[in-house]
Structure formats: C-alpha cells, structure tokens
Amino acid sequence: MFQRLVAGRLGQLGVQIETTGSRAVFSFNTGESFDMEVLSPQLWRDWVLRGSYGLGETYVDKKWDIEPDRLEPFIRALMQHGTAELRYIEKLRHSIARRLGRGHDANDPASSHAQSSHHYERGNELFESFLDENMVYTCAFFDDVDWDLETAQRRKTEVTLDRLDLFQGARLLDIGCGWGATVIEAARRGAEATGITLAAQQIELARLRAAEQQMKAEFEVADYRVFAQQHAGAFDRIVSIGMFEAVGRRQFDTFFEAIRTLLRPGGKALVHSMVDWPFGPIIPWLERYIFPGGEVPRTHDMIASPARAGLRIEAGPYRHSGLNYALTLSHWRTRFLANYPALDHDKYPERFKRLWLLYLAGCEAAFRGTTLHTVQIVYRR
C-alpha cells in the first residue's frame, strides 16, 4: 500500500517508479534515472508517514541503498521535483514540537553548549579526515572550479579579512572560531586575535596549531552572550563565519546586540552565513542528527536584526553562489570516503559512515539544486 502511495504521488510530480524484486528504478521527466536497492519494505511506509525524516533514517539504517556517487544527484533530483509535498505528516509533527517549545529551540547558553557538543565533539580525527590542511569547516571560495580545497579555503580567509579592513595591532574577535584558521591568519597579519567557541576539542587543537605556527593568538571556550557581557567595547574588529546559522531565530537580535556590545565605537564586524533556505526551517532529519537548533536565516534577517541592534551596513551584502558550497561539500565527501577506512570503526561504525555521507551529499544537493547560497555583510558600530 505505502509503495503505491509513494509511486502515485511521485508520478504526479513527474517521477516514475518501476520495481523488480529488490530493485526500484526512479525515472525523472528530466531524463535522469536512478537505481535504488530496496533492502526493507519499511522504506515506503516511513517515506509516506515521516517524509524526509523517514527517508533519511531508512538510508542510515540501510533499508535502502544506492551507489555512493549517485546519492547526491538522486537527492537533488528529488528536491527539484517537489517531493517535499510528501511531508504533510512530518511538517505537522515538526510544527507541533516547535510550538510546544521543545528543549533546544530557545538556544539559551546551556542548550547551545549541548548542541555544539552534539556536532563538534565527535572527535577531531573525524574532521581531520575530510577538511583542508587548515581545518576550515565553512564554505570555500572557488574563483576557479578546478582549484583544490586548500587554495579555495585560503582564498575565502583572505577575502574575509580584506573585507574587514584588518589593520596592524587591531583587536579582533572570531565568534565561532572553529579550529582557529581565521584567528591564526589574523595574527599573522599583525592583529591581536582571539577566538571563542563552545567546543573544547576545537579550542585544544586551535591552541596547538597556533603554537606550531608560532602565532600569538588567544582561544577560549565561551558563549558569545556571556563573553559580550565580560568584554564590552574591547574589539576593533569581529568576524563570524558559519556561526549565525546555529544561533536560532529567537536569538538573531541577541546575536547582533552582542556584536554591538563587543565592538568599540567605529569598529567593524563581518558576518558570513548561508541564507535563503527554500524550505523554511531546517529539515527535521538534519536538525535531529547533525545540527540541532539550527535555522538558516534569510538575507533580510541579516539586515533587519543588525539594524535593530544599532549596527549599520558598511559593505555588502556580498552574495556568493551556492556552487561554492556545493564544491566544498563535494571535496569533503570525497575525502571522507577515501579516509574513512583509517578511522576507528568502533567510534565511527558503518551506520555513522552512512549518516555522515547522507549529511554531506544532502547539503551538496541543496546548494546545487535550490536557491541556497552564502552572503557576507560588513557592519559598523
């Protein structure tokens, strides 16, 4: 019954399904075709009843499979053919959970720390397996699609600090500094640079990397709201790359109020974020397993919230095509698959491998197939 429901609905959207034994062939009206191996009929039930959440979970649990290099284009084809229409029950459940104030939606300091740990405390060895040599976990800038990941990530860091008009001796703060690449580069340019993040493992490695490169930089485990109360007016420049997506809609104004508090009069801040996710709130599967509490903002949010906080736009918005992040994710996915055999499989079992692969492929598909992209905006206090 559930298989017929899926086939019927997808047929209305221009997708035909033919099944033979455990093989299901999805033929799209664009001419694309994908072979899926159905390893459990529960796939169809969960797809109908739980939408993308069920489809994602059944992939991770290996109730269906597809060749790894076909996963991203398959997800992208499903997105582009409007299969979100299957998500009635999923959307209702997710809406009810949000209205009831499910724990992490407030994104207060305590829940923010728990959410950060969920993703970033999985072990530095995991991120080292797929990131570039400087451990940059945000969108690279590919001026040339044939660039390698290291070149594109260095380009992003250079462009970011150039736009921020960093000067010798400037006090710079990086909110959500990750493993410290931007902070270390700012210190190399002569800034007094500090980075904060909620992930202790990131801070530990960032300090080690700065010491190895003989760069004077400070790193601290801190929540940006608490840090702002303790360091009002302390910084000439603030940068935040790929952090704003994690603060949650209820905290958008608070985030920019903290930036204003931290800046000296006349100081500048650059915020880099993915924007304009076409499906509204982040999809439930991604929120549950990868980025709890996250919500992709609109470009409008990055204009309105700063204005309410007393910041004015100095430059931008600089819009960067979603292809930049798609290429970044493609590099990450390729490296992860190549390096997975060397990881500790007790810590990262096959189920984790499938979860991480689906995360990387699904995000790449979104950047290739929707209006999702990234922007940078420079603000002045």
Protein backbone atom coordinates (compact mmCIF):
# COMPACT_ATOMS: atom_id res chain seq x y z
CA MET A 1 0.00 0.00 0.00
CA PHE A 2 2.68 2.50 1.04
CA GLN A 3 4.74 1.76 -2.04
CA ARG A 4 1.70 2.54 -4.21
CA LEU A 5 1.15 5.80 -2.31
CA VAL A 6 4.74 6.89 -2.93
CA ALA A 7 4.60 5.86 -6.59
CA GLY A 8 1.27 7.63 -7.09
CA ARG A 9 2.37 10.89 -5.55
CA LEU A 10 5.74 10.93 -7.29
CA GLY A 11 4.01 10.10 -10.56
CA GLN A 12 2.03 13.33 -10.21
CA LEU A 13 5.36 15.15 -9.84
CA GLY A 14 6.95 13.67 -12.93
CA VAL A 15 8.77 10.72 -11.35
CA GLN A 16 8.00 7.11 -12.33
CA ILE A 17 8.97 4.15 -10.15
CA GLU A 18 9.39 0.63 -11.51
CA THR A 19 10.15 -2.18 -9.08
CA THR A 20 11.54 -5.62 -9.80
CA GLY A 21 12.31 -7.68 -6.72
CA SER A 22 14.57 -5.53 -4.53
CA ARG A 23 15.35 -3.10 -7.34
CA ALA A 24 13.49 0.17 -7.74
CA VAL A 25 14.21 2.41 -10.72
CA PHE A 26 13.30 6.10 -10.38
CA SER A 27 12.85 7.76 -13.78
CA PHE A 28 12.50 11.55 -13.79
CA ASN A 29 10.88 13.58 -16.56
CA THR A 30 14.23 15.35 -16.98
CA GLY A 31 15.62 12.10 -18.39
CA GLU A 32 17.57 11.18 -15.26
CA SER A 33 17.29 7.65 -13.91
CA PHE A 34 18.45 6.15 -10.61
CA ASP A 35 18.67 2.55 -9.41
CA MET A 36 17.80 2.01 -5.75
CA GLU A 37 18.25 -1.24 -3.88
CA VAL A 38 15.29 -1.68 -1.51
CA LEU A 39 16.51 -3.72 1.45
CA SER A 40 13.37 -3.34 3.57
CA PRO A 41 9.76 -2.53 2.59
CA GLN A 42 9.67 -0.28 5.67
CA LEU A 43 11.25 2.34 3.40
CA TRP A 44 7.91 3.08 1.72
CA ARG A 45 5.94 3.31 4.96
CA ASP A 46 8.45 5.64 6.59
CA TRP A 47 8.64 7.82 3.48
CA VAL A 48 4.88 8.30 3.48
CA LEU A 49 4.44 8.78 7.23
CA ARG A 50 7.66 10.65 8.08
CA GLY A 51 8.77 12.30 4.86
CA SER A 52 12.42 13.29 4.54
CA TYR A 53 12.97 12.29 8.17
CA GLY A 54 11.89 8.73 7.40
CA LEU A 55 13.76 8.65 4.10
CA GLY A 56 16.96 9.75 5.83
CA GLU A 57 16.64 7.33 8.73
CA THR A 58 15.96 4.36 6.47
CA TYR A 59 19.08 5.20 4.45
CA VAL A 60 21.22 5.37 7.59
CA ASP A 61 19.72 2.07 8.79
CA LYS A 62 20.48 0.56 5.36
CA LYS A 63 16.89 -0.17 4.44
CA TRP A 64 17.70 1.18 1.00
CA ASP A 65 20.93 1.81 -0.83
CA ILE A 66 22.33 3.48 -3.92
CA GLU A 67 25.83 3.83 -5.33
CA PRO A 68 27.70 6.48 -3.27
CA ASP A 69 28.41 8.67 -6.31
CA ARG A 70 24.69 8.62 -7.20
CA LEU A 71 23.40 9.64 -3.79
CA GLU A 72 23.86 13.41 -4.21
CA PRO A 73 22.27 13.67 -7.69
CA PHE A 74 19.41 11.42 -6.53
CA ILE A 75 18.65 13.66 -3.57
CA ARG A 76 18.95 16.73 -5.78
CA ALA A 77 16.52 15.27 -8.32
CA LEU A 78 14.01 14.55 -5.55
CA MET A 79 14.34 18.13 -4.28
CA GLN A 80 13.91 19.64 -7.70
CA HIS A 81 10.78 17.62 -8.39
CA GLY A 82 8.98 18.92 -5.32
CA THR A 83 8.92 15.73 -3.31
CA ALA A 84 8.69 17.87 -0.18
CA GLU A 85 4.96 17.55 -0.90
CA LEU A 86 5.19 14.11 0.73
CA ARG A 87 6.00 15.79 4.03
CA TYR A 88 2.50 16.57 5.34
CA ILE A 89 2.70 14.49 8.50
CA GLU A 90 6.37 15.30 9.06
CA LYS A 91 5.72 19.04 8.80
CA LEU A 92 2.79 18.82 11.21
CA ARG A 93 4.81 16.87 13.77
CA HIS A 94 7.74 19.28 13.48
CA SER A 95 5.47 22.32 13.82
CA ILE A 96 3.79 20.92 16.94
CA ALA A 97 7.17 20.14 18.53
CA ARG A 98 8.36 23.72 17.93
CA ARG A 99 5.14 25.25 19.28
CA LEU A 100 5.46 23.16 22.44
CA GLY A 101 8.90 24.69 22.96
CA ARG A 102 10.95 21.53 22.57
CA GLY A 103 14.12 22.00 24.66
CA HIS A 104 16.75 23.33 22.30
CA ASP A 105 14.60 25.76 20.32
CA ALA A 106 15.32 28.59 22.74
CA ASN A 107 19.07 28.24 22.13
CA ASP A 108 19.97 29.64 25.53
CA PRO A 109 23.63 29.27 26.63
CA ALA A 110 23.07 25.86 28.23
CA SER A 111 21.26 24.33 25.25
CA SER A 112 23.69 25.97 22.80
CA HIS A 113 26.57 24.21 24.53
CA ALA A 114 24.77 20.86 24.29
CA GLN A 115 24.03 21.42 20.60
CA SER A 116 27.63 22.34 19.85
CA SER A 117 28.86 19.24 21.64
CA HIS A 118 26.45 17.09 19.62
CA HIS A 119 28.22 18.06 16.41
CA TYR A 120 31.74 19.29 17.18
CA GLU A 121 32.73 16.95 19.98
CA ARG A 122 32.54 13.86 17.77
CA GLY A 123 36.35 13.87 17.70
CA ASN A 124 38.91 15.99 15.90
CA GLU A 125 40.08 12.94 13.97
CA LEU A 126 36.73 12.84 12.15
CA PHE A 127 37.06 16.42 10.91
CA GLU A 128 40.73 15.97 10.08
CA SER A 129 39.67 13.13 7.78
CA PHE A 130 37.88 15.44 5.35
CA LEU A 131 38.77 19.09 5.96
CA ASP A 132 41.64 21.01 4.36
CA GLU A 133 45.05 21.36 5.99
CA ASN A 134 43.92 24.46 7.95
CA MET A 135 40.76 22.76 9.26
CA VAL A 136 38.25 25.25 7.84
CA TYR A 137 34.70 23.93 8.24
CA THR A 138 32.84 26.55 6.20
CA CYS A 139 32.24 27.40 2.56
CA ALA A 140 35.36 27.83 0.43
CA PHE A 141 35.55 30.43 -2.36
CA PHE A 142 36.30 28.82 -5.72
CA ASP A 143 37.36 31.52 -8.14
CA ASP A 144 38.17 28.57 -10.39
CA VAL A 145 36.15 25.34 -10.13
CA ASP A 146 39.37 23.38 -10.73
CA TRP A 147 41.04 24.76 -7.61
CA ASP A 148 41.87 22.30 -4.86
CA LEU A 149 40.23 22.70 -1.48
CA GLU A 150 43.28 24.21 0.21
CA THR A 151 43.53 27.00 -2.36
CA ALA A 152 39.81 27.81 -2.19
CA GLN A 153 39.78 27.90 1.61
CA ARG A 154 42.82 30.18 1.73
CA ARG A 155 41.03 32.45 -0.74
CA LYS A 156 37.95 32.63 1.50
CA THR A 157 40.03 33.58 4.53
CA GLU A 158 41.94 36.24 2.56
CA VAL A 159 38.76 37.78 1.12
CA THR A 160 37.10 37.82 4.53
CA LEU A 161 39.93 39.61 6.32
CA ASP A 162 40.41 42.03 3.41
CA ARG A 163 36.73 43.00 3.55
CA LEU A 164 37.03 43.54 7.27
CA ASP A 165 39.82 46.10 6.68
CA LEU A 166 42.03 44.49 9.30
CA PHE A 167 44.92 46.69 10.41
CA GLN A 168 48.19 46.16 12.30
CA GLY A 169 47.53 45.95 16.02
CA ALA A 170 43.75 45.66 15.70
CA ARG A 171 41.98 43.67 18.40
CA LEU A 172 39.99 41.02 16.57
CA LEU A 173 37.43 38.52 17.87
CA ASP A 174 36.26 35.47 15.95
CA ILE A 175 32.86 34.26 17.21
CA GLY A 176 32.60 30.56 16.46
CA CYS A 177 36.27 30.24 15.59
CA GLY A 178 36.33 26.51 14.92
CA TRP A 179 39.89 25.19 14.86
CA GLY A 180 41.33 28.67 14.62
CA ALA A 181 42.28 29.17 10.96
CA THR A 182 40.94 32.73 10.68
CA VAL A 183 42.33 33.74 14.07
CA ILE A 184 45.78 32.43 13.18
CA GLU A 185 45.74 34.22 9.82
CA ALA A 186 44.64 37.46 11.53
CA ALA A 187 47.54 37.11 13.98
CA ARG A 188 49.88 36.57 11.03
CA ARG A 189 48.64 39.92 9.68
CA GLY A 190 49.57 41.61 12.94
CA ALA A 191 46.23 41.60 14.79
CA GLU A 192 45.74 40.79 18.46
CA ALA A 193 43.40 37.92 17.70
CA THR A 194 41.04 35.97 19.96
CA GLY A 195 38.71 33.12 19.09
CA ILE A 196 35.75 31.74 21.04
CA THR A 197 33.74 28.59 20.51
CA LEU A 198 31.70 26.21 22.66
CA ALA A 199 33.66 23.12 21.60
CA ALA A 200 36.53 22.27 23.94
CA GLN A 201 38.14 19.89 21.45
CA GLN A 202 38.30 22.67 18.89
CA ILE A 203 40.00 25.01 21.36
CA GLU A 204 42.55 22.37 22.29
CA LEU A 205 43.59 21.82 18.68
CA ALA A 206 43.43 25.53 17.81
CA ARG A 207 45.90 26.34 20.59
CA LEU A 208 48.20 23.57 19.40
CA ARG A 209 48.04 24.76 15.79
CA ALA A 210 48.79 28.37 16.78
CA ALA A 211 51.77 27.25 18.84
CA GLU A 212 53.11 25.11 16.00
CA GLN A 213 52.94 28.12 13.67
CA GLN A 214 54.42 30.42 16.33
CA MET A 215 51.41 32.71 16.15
CA LYS A 216 50.30 34.61 19.24
CA ALA A 217 46.56 34.02 19.49
CA GLU A 218 44.08 33.51 22.28
CA PHE A 219 41.35 30.86 22.33
CA GLU A 220 38.59 30.42 24.87
CA VAL A 221 35.57 28.19 25.40
CA ALA A 222 32.81 30.78 25.76
CA ASP A 223 29.25 31.60 24.80
CA TYR A 224 29.11 34.82 22.78
CA ARG A 225 26.40 36.31 25.03
CA VAL A 226 28.34 35.78 28.24
CA PHE A 227 31.59 36.87 26.57
CA ALA A 228 29.94 40.12 25.45
CA GLN A 229 28.95 40.97 29.00
CA GLN A 230 32.55 40.48 30.10
CA HIS A 231 34.31 42.30 27.23
CA ALA A 232 32.14 45.28 26.30
CA GLY A 233 33.82 47.63 23.82
CA ALA A 234 37.00 45.54 23.69
CA PHE A 235 37.36 44.85 19.96
CA ASP A 236 38.12 46.82 16.81
CA ARG A 237 37.05 44.01 14.51
CA ILE A 238 34.75 40.99 14.82
CA VAL A 239 34.37 38.14 12.37
CA SER A 240 31.88 35.29 12.47
CA ILE A 241 31.92 32.69 9.72
CA GLY A 242 29.25 29.99 9.55
CA MET A 243 28.05 30.65 13.10
CA PHE A 244 24.86 32.64 12.54
CA GLU A 245 23.01 29.58 11.17
CA ALA A 246 23.40 27.94 14.58
CA VAL A 247 22.06 30.68 16.85
CA GLY A 248 18.35 30.07 16.18
CA ARG A 249 15.71 32.56 15.06
CA ARG A 250 14.83 33.58 18.62
CA GLN A 251 18.42 34.70 19.13
CA PHE A 252 19.01 36.63 15.88
CA ASP A 253 18.61 40.03 17.55
CA THR A 254 20.60 38.91 20.60
CA PHE A 255 23.50 37.82 18.39
CA PHE A 256 23.85 41.24 16.78
CA GLU A 257 23.30 43.02 20.09
CA ALA A 258 26.28 41.05 21.43
CA ILE A 259 28.37 42.13 18.45
CA ARG A 260 27.49 45.77 19.04
CA THR A 261 28.37 45.42 22.72
CA LEU A 262 31.74 43.87 21.91
CA LEU A 263 32.74 46.47 19.31
CA ARG A 264 34.42 49.75 20.08
CA PRO A 265 32.71 52.83 18.57
CA GLY A 266 33.57 52.85 14.86
CA GLY A 267 34.50 49.16 14.96
CA LYS A 268 33.53 46.75 12.19
CA ALA A 269 32.12 43.24 12.11
CA LEU A 270 31.79 40.78 9.24
CA VAL A 271 29.18 38.03 9.40
CA HIS A 272 29.23 35.16 6.91
CA SER A 273 26.20 32.89 6.68
CA MET A 274 24.34 30.58 4.36
CA VAL A 275 20.98 32.17 3.58
CA ASP A 276 17.60 31.70 1.93
CA TRP A 277 16.97 28.01 2.59
CA PRO A 278 13.94 27.43 0.36
CA PHE A 279 12.09 25.00 2.64
CA GLY A 280 11.69 27.21 5.70
CA PRO A 281 13.15 25.77 8.94
CA ILE A 282 15.98 23.28 8.61
CA ILE A 283 14.64 19.83 7.67
CA PRO A 284 13.89 17.62 10.71
CA TRP A 285 16.40 14.86 9.85
CA LEU A 286 19.26 17.35 9.60
CA GLU A 287 18.19 19.07 12.80
CA ARG A 288 17.88 15.81 14.72
CA TYR A 289 21.12 14.15 13.67
CA ILE A 290 23.52 16.88 12.52
CA PHE A 291 22.69 20.46 13.58
CA PRO A 292 20.21 20.59 16.48
CA GLY A 293 18.76 24.05 16.98
CA GLY A 294 19.97 25.36 13.63
CA GLU A 295 17.92 27.57 11.34
CA VAL A 296 19.15 29.10 8.09
CA PRO A 297 18.36 32.84 8.05
CA ARG A 298 17.05 34.95 5.21
CA THR A 299 19.19 37.73 3.81
CA HIS A 300 16.53 40.05 5.25
CA ASP A 301 17.32 38.74 8.76
CA MET A 302 20.94 39.78 8.32
CA ILE A 303 19.78 43.30 7.53
CA ALA A 304 16.87 43.80 9.93
CA SER A 305 18.36 42.28 13.12
CA PRO A 306 21.60 44.32 12.97
CA ALA A 307 19.61 47.49 12.36
CA ARG A 308 17.55 46.84 15.49
CA ALA A 309 20.79 46.28 17.40
CA GLY A 310 22.20 49.66 16.32
CA LEU A 311 24.61 48.45 13.63
CA ARG A 312 24.70 49.88 10.12
CA ILE A 313 25.78 48.12 6.97
CA GLU A 314 29.24 49.24 5.89
CA ALA A 315 29.58 46.95 2.85
CA GLY A 316 27.63 44.18 1.17
CA PRO A 317 25.69 42.00 1.11
CA TYR A 318 28.33 40.13 -0.88
CA ARG A 319 26.49 37.22 -2.44
CA HIS A 320 28.40 34.01 -3.15
CA SER A 321 26.84 31.39 -5.40
CA GLY A 322 25.73 28.14 -3.85
CA LEU A 323 28.14 26.40 -6.22
CA ASN A 324 30.98 27.43 -3.87
CA TYR A 325 29.50 25.44 -1.01
CA ALA A 326 28.48 22.59 -3.32
CA LEU A 327 32.09 22.24 -4.47
CA THR A 328 33.30 22.46 -0.87
CA LEU A 329 30.94 19.69 0.21
CA SER A 330 31.92 17.58 -2.77
CA HIS A 331 35.58 17.79 -1.72
CA TRP A 332 34.63 16.94 1.86
CA ARG A 333 32.55 13.95 0.77
CA THR A 334 35.33 12.60 -1.46
CA ARG A 335 37.92 12.95 1.29
CA PHE A 336 35.65 11.41 3.91
CA LEU A 337 35.01 8.32 1.78
CA ALA A 338 38.71 7.98 0.97
CA ASN A 339 39.84 8.35 4.59
CA TYR A 340 37.02 6.51 6.36
CA PRO A 341 38.87 3.14 6.33
CA ALA A 342 41.59 4.67 8.55
CA LEU A 343 39.13 5.92 11.19
CA ASP A 344 38.32 3.98 14.36
CA HIS A 345 35.30 1.90 13.32
CA ASP A 346 34.31 1.25 16.91
CA LYS A 347 33.85 5.01 17.29
CA TYR A 348 32.62 5.59 13.73
CA PRO A 349 30.78 2.41 12.67
CA GLU A 350 29.17 1.76 9.30
CA ARG A 351 25.93 3.39 10.44
CA PHE A 352 27.82 6.60 11.24
CA LYS A 353 29.52 6.47 7.86
CA ARG A 354 26.12 6.37 6.16
CA LEU A 355 24.78 9.18 8.36
CA TRP A 356 27.75 11.43 7.57
CA LEU A 357 27.66 10.60 3.88
CA LEU A 358 23.95 11.44 3.71
CA TYR A 359 24.58 14.74 5.52
CA LEU A 360 27.34 15.79 3.11
CA ALA A 361 25.52 14.60 -0.01
CA GLY A 362 22.20 16.13 1.04
CA CYS A 363 23.72 19.53 1.77
CA GLU A 364 25.60 19.47 -1.51
CA ALA A 365 22.36 18.66 -3.32
CA ALA A 366 20.65 21.62 -1.65
CA PHE A 367 23.37 24.03 -2.75
CA ARG A 368 23.36 22.68 -6.29
CA GLY A 369 19.62 22.44 -6.74
CA THR A 370 17.97 25.26 -4.78
CA THR A 371 18.31 28.99 -4.08
CA LEU A 372 20.51 28.34 -1.02
CA HIS A 373 23.73 30.38 -1.10
CA THR A 374 26.04 32.33 1.20
CA VAL A 375 26.48 36.02 1.93
CA GLN A 376 28.96 38.20 3.78
CA ILE A 377 27.97 41.57 5.23
CA VAL A 378 30.24 44.12 6.93
CA TYR A 379 28.67 46.19 9.73
CA ARG A 380 29.91 49.21 11.65
CA ARG A 381 29.11 50.33 15.16
